[in-house]
């Protein structure tokens, strides 16, 4: 039997989609409940809403759509062809919403929630694993989504809502971010083991003005620190190789392809010698950043407190400098 097409007062095809969704969404669960039971009274009991409220919601839904969804026979109802067409997508949408509700509740759970945490590549070998081990001693079931990247890329993901917290360098100064300086690393001039400077223990950076450098790519915080330190020392570094990871640069130095200004390694690297830079003061500050005004879930708040309490004691202990050759 053909159903009647309603034409008065319903939303037109040109109506704004968002307005239509705002109008329809609250009534979709009512529609699915009645479609499942084919009985308004039973559906009202299952949904725990007054029968009159449920009936009005169905009438309004049909009015907004401009089609009959149910054929009514007393208190029983059956789906029209339009109702059957509508039901499948509605049930899938409700199921997806249900899964989303479970996911966000699970991520916010104080005991088992999730923290999206970003950090620099150079902190991945020892520092971050040590931090997570210490934190999970008191919060053993909190989960982490870990992201390793360079500073600017992490800040972009922070602003996009993909990260809750990140450890980065240099410490950013931006109006939309909250930052806290937590620690610093003294940078070392890394030279090949057979280099003319390898017998030294300390060096002024100006003494390396004629050297070929290997550095991280532009956009990396350590690259900007290297460029600034060399400028302060009175020269512009001649860059032969650019990479994305500090240990790769150490490998290039070991191969005799240049020198590099790098944070200390956790483990000594054969084939290189690391010199303390006495002037200018070459350091890399490490800070914690998060989005200003962004509410923390309980697990994020707990991990933030933990990191802030590690100020001055955040980084893994570096490998000691070898004795002079």
Foldseek 3Di string as FASTA:
>chain_A
DDWDFADPPADDPPPDPVVLCVLQVVLLLLLLLCQVVQFLVVSCVVVVHDSVVSVVSQVVNCRHVRTDQWDDDPRGIYGDPVVVVPNPVSVVVVVVVVVVVVLVVQQLDLQAHEFEEEEEQQCPPPQVVVLVVVLCVVRVRYYYNYHYAADVVVVVCQVVVNHAKYKYWPFDDDPFKDKDFFAKFFWWKKAFCPDPCNLDAADAVLVCQVWEEEEADPPGRQVVLVQVQVVQSPHGHHYDYHHGHDVVRNVCRLVVNTIYTGGFHQDDDPRMAIHGHPPPRRMIIIMMMHGPPDDDRNNSVSSVVSSNVCRHPRGDDGDDGDHRD
